[in-house]
N, C-alpha and C. Protein backbone atom coordinates (compact mmCIF):
# COMPACT_ATOMS: atom_id res chain seq x y z
N MET A 1 0.92 -1.14 -0.10
CA MET A 1 -0.06 0.30 0.02
C MET A 1 0.85 1.35 -0.03
N MET A 2 1.99 1.13 0.84
CA MET A 2 3.06 2.65 0.74
C MET A 2 3.61 2.82 -0.75
N LYS A 3 3.86 1.50 -1.08
CA LYS A 3 4.37 1.72 -2.61
C LYS A 3 3.35 2.53 -3.49
N ILE A 4 2.18 2.33 -3.31
CA ILE A 4 1.39 2.71 -4.49
C ILE A 4 0.95 4.18 -3.80
N ILE A 5 1.07 4.90 -2.64
CA ILE A 5 1.07 6.30 -2.14
C ILE A 5 1.83 6.71 -2.55
N VAL A 6 3.22 6.30 -2.57
CA VAL A 6 4.70 7.17 -2.93
C VAL A 6 4.48 7.31 -4.51
N THR A 7 4.16 6.16 -5.24
CA THR A 7 4.17 6.34 -6.86
C THR A 7 2.88 7.34 -7.23
N TYR A 8 2.27 7.04 -6.50
CA TYR A 8 1.17 8.25 -6.72
C TYR A 8 1.42 9.92 -6.30
N LEU A 9 2.28 10.07 -5.22
CA LEU A 9 2.80 11.10 -4.81
C LEU A 9 3.83 11.67 -5.85
N ILE A 10 4.47 10.57 -6.30
CA ILE A 10 5.66 11.02 -7.73
C ILE A 10 4.91 11.37 -8.43
N LEU A 11 3.91 10.78 -9.22
CA LEU A 11 3.53 11.29 -10.27
C LEU A 11 2.59 12.48 -10.04
N MET A 12 1.99 12.73 -9.13
CA MET A 12 1.23 13.88 -9.04
C MET A 12 2.14 15.48 -8.87
N ILE A 13 3.53 15.04 -8.51
CA ILE A 13 4.53 15.99 -8.23
C ILE A 13 5.26 16.11 -9.40
N GLY A 14 5.12 15.15 -10.58
CA GLY A 14 6.02 15.35 -11.95
C GLY A 14 4.75 16.05 -12.88
N LEU A 15 3.46 15.60 -12.71
CA LEU A 15 2.28 16.42 -13.31
C LEU A 15 2.14 17.99 -13.39
N HIS A 16 2.38 18.14 -11.85
CA HIS A 16 2.70 19.39 -11.26
C HIS A 16 3.30 20.41 -12.00
N SER A 17 4.77 19.98 -12.15
CA SER A 17 5.93 20.46 -12.53
C SER A 17 5.62 20.80 -14.33
N VAL A 18 4.91 19.83 -14.83
CA VAL A 18 4.79 20.23 -16.43
C VAL A 18 3.92 21.08 -16.58
N ILE A 19 2.72 21.00 -15.62
CA ILE A 19 1.31 22.01 -15.75
C ILE A 19 1.90 23.32 -15.73
N VAL A 20 3.05 23.75 -14.32
CA VAL A 20 3.54 24.85 -14.11
C VAL A 20 4.19 25.57 -15.30
N GLU A 21 4.94 24.76 -15.85
CA GLU A 21 6.06 25.27 -16.95
C GLU A 21 5.05 25.20 -18.19
N ALA A 22 3.94 25.30 -18.57
CA ALA A 22 3.36 25.39 -19.60
C ALA A 22 3.15 26.73 -20.17
N THR A 23 3.63 26.72 -21.49
CA THR A 23 3.77 28.09 -21.91
C THR A 23 2.29 28.77 -22.61
N ASP A 24 2.11 30.01 -22.30
CA ASP A 24 0.81 30.48 -22.90
C ASP A 24 0.94 31.37 -24.08
N ILE A 25 0.42 30.76 -25.45
CA ILE A 25 0.94 31.38 -26.32
C ILE A 25 0.61 32.63 -26.72
N THR A 26 -0.09 33.28 -25.91
CA THR A 26 -0.42 34.52 -26.25
C THR A 26 0.35 35.67 -25.47
N ALA A 27 1.08 35.04 -24.46
CA ALA A 27 1.99 35.96 -23.94
C ALA A 27 3.48 35.84 -25.10
N LEU A 28 3.29 34.74 -25.67
CA LEU A 28 4.60 34.91 -26.69
C LEU A 28 4.10 35.50 -27.80
N ASN A 29 3.28 35.46 -28.36
CA ASN A 29 2.55 36.21 -29.80
C ASN A 29 1.45 37.20 -29.18
N PRO A 30 1.62 38.38 -28.52
CA PRO A 30 0.53 39.21 -28.55
C PRO A 30 -0.42 39.20 -29.61
N ILE A 31 -1.45 39.32 -29.38
CA ILE A 31 -2.78 39.86 -30.47
C ILE A 31 -3.08 41.49 -30.32
N GLN A 32 -3.06 41.97 -31.38
CA GLN A 32 -3.88 43.41 -31.50
C GLN A 32 -4.92 43.40 -32.40
N SER A 33 -5.72 44.54 -32.28
CA SER A 33 -6.48 44.65 -33.14
C SER A 33 -6.24 45.54 -34.41
N LEU A 34 -6.89 45.52 -35.64
CA LEU A 34 -6.58 46.29 -36.47
C LEU A 34 -7.76 46.51 -36.96
N LYS A 35 -8.24 47.80 -37.19
CA LYS A 35 -9.62 48.09 -37.86
C LYS A 35 -9.46 48.77 -39.34
N VAL A 36 -10.04 48.25 -40.29
CA VAL A 36 -10.05 48.87 -41.59
C VAL A 36 -11.16 49.46 -41.88
N LYS A 37 -11.24 50.68 -42.33
CA LYS A 37 -12.72 51.44 -43.07
C LYS A 37 -12.22 51.55 -44.23
N SER A 38 -12.93 51.26 -44.98
CA SER A 38 -13.24 50.88 -46.79
C SER A 38 -14.19 51.66 -47.26
N LYS A 39 -13.98 52.45 -48.64
CA LYS A 39 -15.29 52.95 -48.94
C LYS A 39 -16.03 51.92 -49.66
N TYR A 40 -15.65 50.40 -49.56
CA TYR A 40 -16.38 49.39 -50.12
C TYR A 40 -17.06 48.52 -49.19
N PHE A 41 -17.02 49.22 -47.67
CA PHE A 41 -17.96 48.48 -47.00
C PHE A 41 -18.73 49.69 -45.97
N LYS A 42 -19.64 49.42 -45.38
CA LYS A 42 -20.27 50.66 -44.50
C LYS A 42 -19.70 50.66 -43.14
N GLU A 43 -19.54 49.47 -42.71
CA GLU A 43 -18.56 49.29 -41.40
C GLU A 43 -17.25 48.91 -41.25
N THR A 44 -16.37 49.47 -40.67
CA THR A 44 -14.81 48.93 -40.55
C THR A 44 -15.02 47.52 -40.50
N ILE A 45 -13.85 46.90 -40.77
CA ILE A 45 -13.74 45.52 -40.49
C ILE A 45 -12.57 45.27 -39.62
N GLU A 46 -12.66 44.26 -38.81
CA GLU A 46 -11.57 44.24 -37.73
C GLU A 46 -10.90 43.17 -37.88
N TYR A 47 -9.89 43.00 -37.51
CA TYR A 47 -8.73 42.05 -37.94
C TYR A 47 -7.87 41.59 -36.50
N ASN A 48 -7.69 40.47 -36.46
CA ASN A 48 -6.65 40.38 -35.55
C ASN A 48 -5.03 40.11 -35.78
N VAL A 49 -4.21 40.60 -35.30
CA VAL A 49 -2.91 40.96 -35.64
C VAL A 49 -2.17 40.33 -34.63
N THR A 50 -1.45 39.20 -35.23
CA THR A 50 -0.81 38.26 -33.98
C THR A 50 0.67 38.35 -34.45
N LEU A 51 1.39 39.13 -33.48
CA LEU A 51 2.75 39.50 -33.67
C LEU A 51 3.47 38.71 -33.20
N PRO A 52 5.11 38.16 -33.66
CA PRO A 52 5.90 37.43 -32.65
C PRO A 52 6.40 37.67 -31.87
N LYS A 53 7.07 37.11 -30.99
CA LYS A 53 7.68 37.70 -29.65
C LYS A 53 8.65 38.49 -29.56
N SER A 54 9.49 38.64 -30.96
CA SER A 54 10.19 39.79 -31.01
C SER A 54 9.66 41.26 -31.44
N TYR A 55 8.75 41.02 -31.48
CA TYR A 55 8.25 42.49 -32.30
C TYR A 55 8.62 43.63 -31.21
N SER A 56 8.11 43.36 -30.00
CA SER A 56 8.11 44.24 -29.05
C SER A 56 9.34 44.24 -27.93
N GLU A 57 10.42 43.49 -28.70
CA GLU A 57 11.84 43.45 -27.72
C GLU A 57 12.75 44.62 -28.21
N VAL A 58 13.53 45.21 -27.58
CA VAL A 58 14.29 46.27 -27.67
C VAL A 58 15.35 45.92 -28.91
N LYS A 59 15.88 45.05 -28.88
CA LYS A 59 16.95 44.37 -29.73
C LYS A 59 16.34 44.49 -31.27
N GLY A 60 14.81 44.06 -30.98
CA GLY A 60 14.45 43.89 -32.44
C GLY A 60 13.27 44.90 -33.29
N LYS A 61 13.38 46.14 -32.52
CA LYS A 61 12.88 47.10 -32.72
C LYS A 61 12.73 47.83 -34.03
N ASP A 62 14.24 47.48 -34.89
CA ASP A 62 14.08 47.90 -36.11
C ASP A 62 14.04 47.01 -37.40
N LYS A 63 13.68 45.81 -36.49
CA LYS A 63 13.46 44.47 -37.79
C LYS A 63 11.93 44.42 -38.28
N LYS A 64 12.02 43.96 -39.57
CA LYS A 64 10.96 44.18 -40.32
C LYS A 64 10.38 42.67 -40.54
N TYR A 65 8.92 42.39 -40.64
CA TYR A 65 8.46 41.27 -40.54
C TYR A 65 7.77 41.18 -41.98
N PHE A 66 7.56 39.59 -42.34
CA PHE A 66 6.74 39.39 -43.46
C PHE A 66 5.16 38.81 -43.21
N VAL A 67 4.25 39.03 -43.92
CA VAL A 67 3.05 38.86 -43.31
C VAL A 67 2.27 37.67 -43.98
N ILE A 68 1.57 37.27 -43.19
CA ILE A 68 0.64 35.87 -43.65
C ILE A 68 -0.91 36.44 -43.35
N PHE A 69 -1.59 36.67 -44.44
CA PHE A 69 -2.80 36.76 -44.49
C PHE A 69 -3.77 35.74 -44.76
N ASP A 70 -4.70 35.57 -43.96
CA ASP A 70 -5.76 34.21 -44.04
C ASP A 70 -7.24 34.47 -43.65
N LEU A 71 -8.38 34.47 -44.52
CA LEU A 71 -9.19 34.99 -44.29
C LEU A 71 -10.06 34.59 -43.66
N HIS A 72 -9.85 33.23 -42.79
CA HIS A 72 -10.72 32.52 -41.83
C HIS A 72 -10.29 33.20 -40.41
N PRO A 73 -11.32 33.31 -39.76
CA PRO A 73 -10.86 33.75 -38.17
C PRO A 73 -10.44 32.70 -37.48
N ARG A 74 -10.86 31.60 -37.61
CA ARG A 74 -10.57 30.35 -36.90
C ARG A 74 -9.24 29.94 -37.50
N SER A 75 -8.36 30.74 -38.04
CA SER A 75 -7.29 29.94 -38.70
C SER A 75 -5.95 30.74 -37.77
N GLN A 76 -6.52 31.95 -36.92
CA GLN A 76 -5.46 32.68 -36.24
C GLN A 76 -5.00 31.73 -35.09
N PRO A 77 -5.45 30.98 -34.54
CA PRO A 77 -4.68 30.14 -33.46
C PRO A 77 -3.58 29.08 -33.93
N TYR A 78 -4.20 28.48 -35.22
CA TYR A 78 -3.16 27.36 -35.79
C TYR A 78 -2.04 28.18 -36.35
N LEU A 79 -2.31 29.25 -37.05
CA LEU A 79 -1.03 29.90 -37.76
C LEU A 79 -0.10 30.21 -37.10
N SER A 80 -0.97 31.13 -36.01
CA SER A 80 0.12 31.90 -34.92
C SER A 80 1.13 30.69 -34.09
N GLY A 81 0.62 29.60 -33.78
CA GLY A 81 1.19 28.78 -33.05
C GLY A 81 2.27 27.91 -33.95
N LEU A 82 1.48 27.75 -35.01
CA LEU A 82 2.42 26.96 -36.12
C LEU A 82 3.99 28.02 -36.42
N HIS A 83 3.69 29.21 -36.67
CA HIS A 83 4.64 30.04 -36.85
C HIS A 83 5.56 30.45 -35.48
N ASP A 84 5.20 30.36 -34.64
CA ASP A 84 5.88 30.51 -33.20
C ASP A 84 6.53 29.34 -33.30
N TRP A 85 6.12 28.52 -33.25
CA TRP A 85 6.85 27.16 -33.26
C TRP A 85 8.08 26.96 -33.99
N LEU A 86 7.59 27.45 -35.28
CA LEU A 86 8.70 27.22 -36.39
C LEU A 86 10.06 28.06 -36.41
N SER A 87 9.92 29.29 -35.87
CA SER A 87 10.74 30.30 -35.70
C SER A 87 11.03 30.67 -34.35
N HIS A 88 10.83 29.84 -33.44
CA HIS A 88 11.43 30.30 -32.31
C HIS A 88 12.57 29.81 -31.94
N ASN A 89 13.47 29.22 -32.77
CA ASN A 89 14.55 29.28 -32.85
C ASN A 89 15.66 30.51 -33.61
N GLY A 90 15.17 31.65 -33.72
CA GLY A 90 16.00 32.59 -34.18
C GLY A 90 15.62 32.50 -35.73
N ASP A 91 14.22 32.74 -36.13
CA ASP A 91 14.00 32.81 -37.57
C ASP A 91 14.18 31.44 -38.21
N TRP A 92 14.52 30.30 -37.38
CA TRP A 92 15.00 29.01 -38.23
C TRP A 92 13.95 27.70 -37.64
N PRO A 93 13.24 27.10 -38.62
CA PRO A 93 13.71 26.73 -40.28
C PRO A 93 12.55 27.93 -40.85
N TRP A 94 11.88 28.72 -39.75
CA TRP A 94 10.94 29.51 -40.94
C TRP A 94 11.19 31.13 -40.17
N LEU A 95 10.74 32.13 -40.83
CA LEU A 95 11.06 33.42 -40.40
C LEU A 95 9.97 33.53 -39.59
N GLU A 96 10.34 34.75 -38.74
CA GLU A 96 8.96 35.18 -37.73
C GLU A 96 8.03 35.82 -38.67
N SER A 97 6.83 35.83 -38.28
CA SER A 97 6.10 36.72 -39.32
C SER A 97 4.83 37.30 -38.43
N ILE A 98 4.28 38.09 -38.96
CA ILE A 98 3.08 38.99 -38.34
C ILE A 98 1.68 38.08 -39.56
N ILE A 99 0.72 37.63 -38.40
CA ILE A 99 -0.37 36.97 -38.82
C ILE A 99 -1.56 37.51 -38.93
N ILE A 100 -2.12 37.92 -39.92
CA ILE A 100 -3.57 38.66 -39.92
C ILE A 100 -4.57 37.68 -40.33
N THR A 101 -5.76 38.07 -39.41
CA THR A 101 -6.81 37.06 -39.90
C THR A 101 -8.20 38.04 -39.41
N PRO A 102 -9.32 37.94 -39.83
CA PRO A 102 -10.39 38.55 -39.72
C PRO A 102 -10.75 38.21 -37.93
N ALA A 103 -11.27 39.04 -37.09
CA ALA A 103 -11.82 39.14 -35.74
C ALA A 103 -12.96 38.05 -35.92
N ASN A 104 -13.97 38.58 -36.96
CA ASN A 104 -15.13 37.76 -36.75
C ASN A 104 -15.70 37.80 -38.36
N TYR A 105 -16.88 37.32 -38.26
CA TYR A 105 -17.61 36.82 -39.51
C TYR A 105 -18.14 38.26 -40.31
N ASN A 106 -17.88 38.99 -40.99
CA ASN A 106 -18.51 40.23 -41.92
C ASN A 106 -19.27 39.90 -42.81
N PRO A 107 -20.47 40.31 -42.81
CA PRO A 107 -21.61 39.84 -43.81
C PRO A 107 -21.58 40.58 -45.10
N GLU A 108 -21.11 41.85 -45.17
CA GLU A 108 -20.70 42.86 -46.12
C GLU A 108 -19.62 41.75 -47.01
N PHE A 109 -18.18 41.61 -46.28
CA PHE A 109 -17.56 41.25 -46.95
C PHE A 109 -17.88 39.64 -47.59
N ALA A 110 -18.79 39.19 -47.04
CA ALA A 110 -19.13 37.47 -47.23
C ALA A 110 -20.12 37.81 -48.53
N LYS A 111 -20.81 38.93 -48.35
CA LYS A 111 -21.84 38.91 -49.85
C LYS A 111 -21.15 39.27 -50.84
N LEU A 112 -19.88 40.26 -50.87
CA LEU A 112 -18.90 40.56 -51.99
C LEU A 112 -18.46 38.96 -52.62
N PHE A 113 -17.97 38.30 -51.56
CA PHE A 113 -16.96 37.14 -51.79
C PHE A 113 -18.15 36.46 -52.82
N LYS A 114 -19.35 36.38 -52.26
CA LYS A 114 -20.04 35.44 -52.91
C LYS A 114 -20.43 35.82 -54.68
N GLN A 115 -20.33 37.27 -54.84
CA GLN A 115 -20.76 38.01 -55.93
C GLN A 115 -19.79 37.48 -56.97
N ILE A 116 -18.60 37.06 -56.71
CA ILE A 116 -17.71 36.85 -57.31
C ILE A 116 -17.91 35.67 -58.37
N VAL A 117 -18.73 34.45 -57.88
CA VAL A 117 -19.57 33.20 -58.29
C VAL A 117 -20.31 33.98 -59.70
N SER A 118 -20.86 34.81 -59.43
CA SER A 118 -22.03 35.35 -60.37
C SER A 118 -21.28 36.07 -61.52
N ASP A 119 -20.04 37.42 -60.97
CA ASP A 119 -19.48 38.22 -61.84
C ASP A 119 -17.93 38.19 -61.51
N PRO A 120 -17.46 37.25 -62.06
CA PRO A 120 -15.94 37.22 -61.75
C PRO A 120 -15.20 38.03 -62.37
N SER A 121 -15.81 39.22 -63.05
CA SER A 121 -15.47 40.60 -63.58
C SER A 121 -15.04 41.55 -62.17
N ASN A 122 -16.27 41.22 -61.18
CA ASN A 122 -15.92 42.23 -60.00
C ASN A 122 -14.86 41.83 -59.45
N GLN A 123 -13.95 42.69 -59.28
CA GLN A 123 -12.74 42.37 -58.34
C GLN A 123 -12.43 43.74 -57.16
N THR A 124 -13.91 44.11 -56.85
CA THR A 124 -13.83 45.11 -55.61
C THR A 124 -13.27 44.75 -54.50
N ILE A 125 -12.96 43.07 -54.48
CA ILE A 125 -12.30 42.36 -53.20
C ILE A 125 -10.81 42.63 -53.17
N LEU A 126 -10.36 42.24 -54.55
CA LEU A 126 -9.24 42.57 -54.69
C LEU A 126 -8.48 44.00 -54.55
N ASP A 127 -9.74 45.12 -55.04
CA ASP A 127 -9.50 46.29 -54.74
C ASP A 127 -9.30 46.72 -53.22
N TYR A 128 -9.89 46.26 -52.36
CA TYR A 128 -10.18 46.33 -51.13
C TYR A 128 -8.84 45.66 -50.53
N PHE A 129 -8.11 44.79 -51.05
CA PHE A 129 -7.04 44.16 -50.35
C PHE A 129 -5.81 45.08 -50.86
N GLU A 130 -5.72 45.52 -52.27
CA GLU A 130 -4.71 46.16 -52.40
C GLU A 130 -4.86 47.47 -51.92
N HIS A 131 -5.72 48.17 -51.88
CA HIS A 131 -5.92 50.06 -51.52
C HIS A 131 -6.52 50.04 -50.19
N ASP A 132 -6.84 49.32 -49.31
CA ASP A 132 -7.32 49.46 -47.91
C ASP A 132 -6.31 48.28 -46.78
N LEU A 133 -6.74 47.11 -46.95
CA LEU A 133 -6.42 46.05 -45.96
C LEU A 133 -4.80 46.32 -46.15
N LEU A 134 -3.98 45.65 -47.02
CA LEU A 134 -2.63 45.76 -47.45
C LEU A 134 -1.82 47.25 -46.60
N LYS A 135 -2.19 48.44 -47.06
CA LYS A 135 -1.76 49.86 -46.95
C LYS A 135 -1.89 49.84 -45.09
N ALA A 136 -3.00 49.57 -45.02
CA ALA A 136 -3.28 49.44 -43.29
C ALA A 136 -2.54 48.86 -42.74
N ILE A 137 -2.11 47.42 -42.88
CA ILE A 137 -1.30 46.63 -42.34
C ILE A 137 0.50 47.42 -42.38
N ASP A 138 0.76 48.00 -43.28
CA ASP A 138 2.07 48.21 -43.72
C ASP A 138 2.37 49.84 -42.97
N GLU A 139 1.25 50.62 -42.87
CA GLU A 139 1.21 51.62 -42.32
C GLU A 139 0.83 51.42 -40.86
N LYS A 140 0.99 50.66 -39.96
CA LYS A 140 0.60 50.39 -38.61
C LYS A 140 1.76 49.34 -38.10
N TYR A 141 2.15 48.45 -39.26
CA TYR A 141 3.22 47.78 -38.43
C TYR A 141 4.65 47.43 -39.16
N ARG A 142 5.57 46.78 -38.51
CA ARG A 142 6.88 47.11 -39.25
C ARG A 142 6.96 45.95 -40.33
N THR A 143 6.70 45.95 -41.71
CA THR A 143 6.40 45.03 -42.45
C THR A 143 7.50 44.79 -43.63
N ASN A 144 7.86 43.94 -44.41
CA ASN A 144 8.95 43.99 -45.08
C ASN A 144 8.80 44.26 -46.37
N GLY A 145 7.29 44.49 -46.73
CA GLY A 145 6.60 44.08 -48.20
C GLY A 145 6.50 42.66 -48.56
N PHE A 146 6.56 41.71 -47.99
CA PHE A 146 6.54 40.37 -48.54
C PHE A 146 5.28 40.16 -47.84
N ASN A 147 4.13 39.67 -48.64
CA ASN A 147 2.92 39.31 -48.13
C ASN A 147 2.50 37.89 -48.69
N ILE A 148 1.98 37.01 -47.59
CA ILE A 148 1.57 35.86 -48.39
C ILE A 148 -0.08 35.49 -48.05
N TYR A 149 -0.62 34.95 -49.10
CA TYR A 149 -2.05 34.88 -49.02
C TYR A 149 -1.84 33.23 -48.52
N SER A 150 -3.07 33.04 -47.52
CA SER A 150 -3.18 31.44 -47.22
C SER A 150 -4.70 31.27 -47.51
N GLY A 151 -4.89 30.18 -47.56
CA GLY A 151 -6.48 29.89 -47.94
C GLY A 151 -6.58 28.57 -48.16
N PHE A 152 -7.92 27.71 -47.50
CA PHE A 152 -8.34 26.67 -47.51
C PHE A 152 -9.81 26.78 -48.01
N MET A 153 -10.29 25.67 -48.71
CA MET A 153 -11.46 25.61 -49.60
C MET A 153 -11.94 26.81 -50.26
N GLY A 154 -13.13 27.41 -49.71
CA GLY A 154 -13.38 28.76 -50.74
C GLY A 154 -12.43 29.68 -50.40
N ASN A 155 -12.05 29.63 -49.11
CA ASN A 155 -10.87 31.16 -49.53
C ASN A 155 -9.57 30.55 -49.93
N GLY A 156 -9.42 29.09 -50.34
CA GLY A 156 -8.35 29.08 -51.54
C GLY A 156 -8.88 29.34 -52.82
N ALA A 157 -9.97 29.21 -52.97
CA ALA A 157 -10.68 29.60 -54.58
C ALA A 157 -10.65 30.72 -54.54
N LEU A 158 -10.70 31.85 -53.63
CA LEU A 158 -10.45 33.54 -53.76
C LEU A 158 -8.87 33.58 -53.82
N GLY A 159 -7.63 32.67 -53.35
CA GLY A 159 -6.52 33.03 -53.25
C GLY A 159 -6.08 32.53 -54.94
N LEU A 160 -6.89 31.54 -55.53
CA LEU A 160 -6.73 31.34 -56.86
C LEU A 160 -7.06 32.48 -57.78
N PHE A 161 -8.40 33.15 -57.38
CA PHE A 161 -9.08 34.05 -58.24
C PHE A 161 -7.94 35.11 -58.16
N THR A 162 -7.46 35.12 -56.99
CA THR A 162 -6.39 36.50 -57.02
C THR A 162 -5.22 36.39 -57.66
N LEU A 163 -4.64 35.15 -57.52
CA LEU A 163 -3.49 34.71 -58.42
C LEU A 163 -3.71 34.70 -59.86
N LEU A 164 -4.84 34.56 -60.37
CA LEU A 164 -5.20 34.56 -61.89
C LEU A 164 -5.35 36.32 -62.29
N ASN A 165 -6.04 37.11 -61.38
CA ASN A 165 -6.59 37.99 -61.87
C ASN A 165 -5.36 39.26 -61.03
N ARG A 166 -4.71 39.27 -60.19
CA ARG A 166 -3.70 39.93 -59.62
C ARG A 166 -2.82 39.46 -59.04
N PRO A 167 -1.82 38.33 -59.98
CA PRO A 167 -0.79 38.00 -59.26
C PRO A 167 0.17 38.33 -58.55
N THR A 168 0.37 39.61 -58.74
CA THR A 168 1.45 40.23 -58.01
C THR A 168 0.95 41.15 -56.40
N LEU A 169 -0.25 40.77 -56.29
CA LEU A 169 -1.04 41.53 -54.92
C LEU A 169 -0.30 40.70 -53.63
N PHE A 170 -0.04 39.22 -53.71
CA PHE A 170 0.67 38.70 -53.06
C PHE A 170 1.59 37.95 -53.67
N ASN A 171 2.92 38.18 -52.59
CA ASN A 171 4.26 37.66 -52.88
C ASN A 171 4.31 36.08 -53.18
N ALA A 172 3.46 35.53 -52.44
CA ALA A 172 3.32 34.00 -52.24
C ALA A 172 1.89 33.49 -51.77
N TYR A 173 1.59 32.30 -52.29
CA TYR A 173 0.28 31.92 -52.23
C TYR A 173 0.40 30.38 -51.66
N ILE A 174 -0.34 30.19 -50.55
CA ILE A 174 -0.45 29.07 -49.59
C ILE A 174 -1.91 28.56 -50.04
N ILE A 175 -2.36 27.69 -50.99
CA ILE A 175 -3.71 27.41 -51.41
C ILE A 175 -3.90 25.93 -51.09
N THR A 176 -4.95 25.41 -50.25
CA THR A 176 -5.22 24.11 -50.00
C THR A 176 -6.32 23.90 -50.20
N SER A 177 -6.62 22.72 -51.02
CA SER A 177 -8.22 22.18 -51.33
C SER A 177 -9.32 23.16 -51.94
N PRO A 178 -8.61 24.02 -52.67
CA PRO A 178 -9.64 25.02 -53.12
C PRO A 178 -11.11 24.67 -53.79
N SER A 179 -11.84 25.16 -53.39
CA SER A 179 -13.24 24.81 -53.95
C SER A 179 -13.54 25.42 -55.42
N LEU A 180 -13.70 24.53 -56.28
CA LEU A 180 -13.75 24.79 -57.68
C LEU A 180 -15.28 24.64 -58.32
N ALA A 181 -16.15 24.67 -57.34
CA ALA A 181 -17.57 24.41 -57.79
C ALA A 181 -18.08 25.57 -58.72
N ASN A 182 -18.93 25.10 -59.31
CA ASN A 182 -19.65 26.45 -60.15
C ASN A 182 -18.71 27.23 -60.80
N ASP A 183 -17.40 26.80 -61.31
CA ASP A 183 -16.47 27.80 -61.79
C ASP A 183 -16.16 28.80 -61.53
N PHE A 184 -15.97 28.78 -59.72
CA PHE A 184 -15.48 29.98 -59.00
C PHE A 184 -14.50 30.78 -59.97
N GLY A 185 -15.16 32.38 -60.08
CA GLY A 185 -14.30 33.12 -60.89
C GLY A 185 -13.50 32.86 -61.84
């Protein structure tokens, strides 16, 4: 019986040390809010901007970062965690990056997004990206001018639409399983 109690105590002490040392990712990668006003929408659109740990460090005040933009609000935890993990060894094997994702669903943006299917010549979303969103990011944050578009399924299809219609709008595209139903765009 004494062996069981001692084993249990050792296990509990071991688990406690693991729990105490767990890292809070939001402490490593602070999230700020960026509100973008545009002539294309009545309401401002709010974005979560996840900054790398070094962004606020004194030694990194002159450092500029590349931007990864994803249209899905739920991609923020995944992308920021992945990029923190890949870059925590001093930009190796992946450079530190600023992650931009919508803070929530925006019905005006969604309506414009759906209009591309019926009218592929309507490039208002691309105008918004180019003239409002990307400029607002560059004005507020220390970016290096290298922007990556990331998209999955419908957002991947929009990435393909962007790539075909304005290939230089983003410097790189990560497009996964794009939805191509109804000859999207």
